[in-house]
Protein backbone atom coordinates (compact mmCIF):
# COMPACT_ATOMS: atom_id res chain seq x y z
CA MET A 1 15.15 5.05 34.56
CA MET A 2 18.05 6.48 32.59
CA ASP A 3 19.70 9.74 33.56
CA ASN A 4 18.35 12.77 31.79
CA VAL A 5 20.92 14.15 29.35
CA ASP A 6 20.85 17.87 28.60
CA LEU A 7 20.70 17.91 24.81
CA LYS A 8 22.10 21.45 24.80
CA ASN A 9 25.46 19.93 25.75
CA ILE A 10 25.36 17.35 22.94
CA ARG A 11 26.56 18.15 19.41
CA LEU A 12 23.71 17.40 17.00
CA ASP A 13 23.47 17.96 13.24
CA GLU A 14 20.71 19.98 11.57
CA ASN A 15 18.44 16.90 11.62
CA GLY A 16 18.86 16.27 15.35
CA HIS A 17 21.25 13.33 14.93
CA LEU A 18 24.37 12.97 17.05
CA GLN A 19 27.42 14.37 15.19
CA ASP A 20 29.81 11.77 16.64
CA TYR A 21 28.26 8.34 17.06
CA SER A 22 31.15 7.20 19.26
CA CYS A 23 29.88 9.58 22.00
CA TRP A 24 26.52 7.77 22.19
CA ASP A 25 25.10 5.91 25.14
CA LYS A 26 21.57 4.77 25.97
CA SER A 27 20.85 7.86 28.05
CA ILE A 28 21.43 10.03 24.97
CA GLY A 29 19.06 7.81 22.97
CA GLU A 30 16.45 8.12 25.72
CA SER A 31 16.83 11.91 25.82
CA LEU A 32 16.59 12.26 22.02
CA ALA A 33 13.41 10.17 22.03
CA ARG A 34 11.94 12.06 25.00
CA HIS A 35 12.63 15.31 23.12
CA ASP A 36 10.54 13.83 20.27
CA LYS A 37 7.83 12.89 22.82
CA LEU A 38 8.53 9.16 22.50
CA LEU A 39 9.12 6.81 25.42
CA LEU A 40 11.37 3.92 24.41
CA SER A 41 10.25 0.41 25.34
CA ARG A 42 12.10 -2.91 25.23
CA GLU A 43 10.72 -3.36 21.68
CA HIS A 44 12.17 -0.01 20.60
CA TRP A 45 15.56 -0.96 22.05
CA GLN A 46 15.61 -4.26 20.14
CA ILE A 47 15.27 -2.32 16.89
CA ILE A 48 17.66 0.50 17.92
CA ASN A 49 20.35 -1.93 19.07
CA LEU A 50 20.06 -3.95 15.86
CA MET A 51 20.41 -0.76 13.80
CA ARG A 52 23.49 0.21 15.77
CA ASP A 53 25.02 -3.27 15.34
CA ILE A 54 24.42 -3.16 11.57
CA TYR A 55 25.89 0.35 11.30
CA LEU A 56 29.00 -0.55 13.32
CA GLN A 57 29.59 -3.58 11.07
CA THR A 58 28.85 -1.96 7.69
CA GLU A 59 29.33 1.80 8.34
CA THR A 60 25.94 2.45 6.75
CA SER A 61 22.30 2.09 7.70
CA PRO A 62 20.18 -0.28 5.63
CA PRO A 63 17.11 0.76 3.67
CA MET A 64 13.79 -0.44 5.09
CA ARG A 65 13.54 -3.66 3.06
CA LEU A 66 17.00 -4.87 4.12
CA PHE A 67 16.40 -3.74 7.70
CA ILE A 68 13.20 -5.81 7.84
CA LYS A 69 15.17 -8.81 6.60
CA ALA A 70 17.76 -8.26 9.37
CA ILE A 71 14.97 -7.96 11.96
CA ARG A 72 13.51 -11.27 10.74
CA ASN A 73 16.92 -12.94 11.17
CA LYS A 74 17.99 -11.32 14.47
CA VAL A 75 14.84 -10.28 16.39
CA SER A 76 11.66 -12.10 15.36
CA GLU A 77 9.33 -12.87 12.50
CA GLU A 78 6.52 -10.89 14.22
CA SER A 79 8.67 -7.73 14.33
CA ALA A 80 9.76 -8.03 10.71
CA ASN A 81 7.23 -5.82 8.96
CA SER A 82 6.78 -2.15 8.24
CA ARG A 83 3.44 -1.86 10.12
CA TYR A 84 5.11 -2.97 13.35
CA LEU A 85 8.03 -0.60 12.80
CA TYR A 86 5.77 2.37 12.05
CA ARG A 87 3.82 1.67 15.27
CA LEU A 88 7.09 1.97 17.18
CA PHE A 89 8.52 4.86 15.15
CA PRO A 90 5.60 6.72 13.48
CA ASP A 91 7.76 9.39 11.84
CA GLY A 92 10.06 6.96 10.03
CA PRO A 93 11.45 3.73 11.47
CA VAL A 94 14.88 3.68 9.82
CA ARG A 95 15.57 7.37 10.40
CA LEU A 96 14.39 7.38 14.01
CA ALA A 97 16.11 4.09 14.89
CA CYS A 98 19.31 5.69 13.57
CA LYS A 99 18.68 8.91 15.47
CA TYR A 100 18.09 7.20 18.81
CA ALA A 101 21.06 4.87 18.17
CA GLY A 102 23.28 7.95 17.85
CA LEU A 103 23.87 7.36 14.14
CA PRO A 104 23.86 9.78 11.21
CA LYS A 105 20.68 10.37 9.25
CA PRO A 106 20.48 7.62 6.60
CA LYS A 107 21.47 8.79 3.14
CA HIS A 108 18.40 7.12 1.62
CA CYS A 109 15.94 8.97 3.95
CA MET A 110 14.44 12.30 3.03
């Protein structure tokens, strides 16, 4: 089990995303998810880590369609669909994967 991070000591933006993604570690991701009443599984972490890798390479988060394509190439064919992603992240897969990865809220998300 990851250490519990006190989110009061973490600088978040108005949407609950980490202000400085370079300060992120998995315990922060776990704490942000726990605050949202979500327990992160291995499947969640596959998606979160892929989102973080994409962001660190491109300095942007992909829209859903491109993210699904990346999942198909890097994770698995079974995981590469919006139904699967919404089961993991019911309130918005791209936005929540970014949030728990310590990344800014995607520009294309409302």
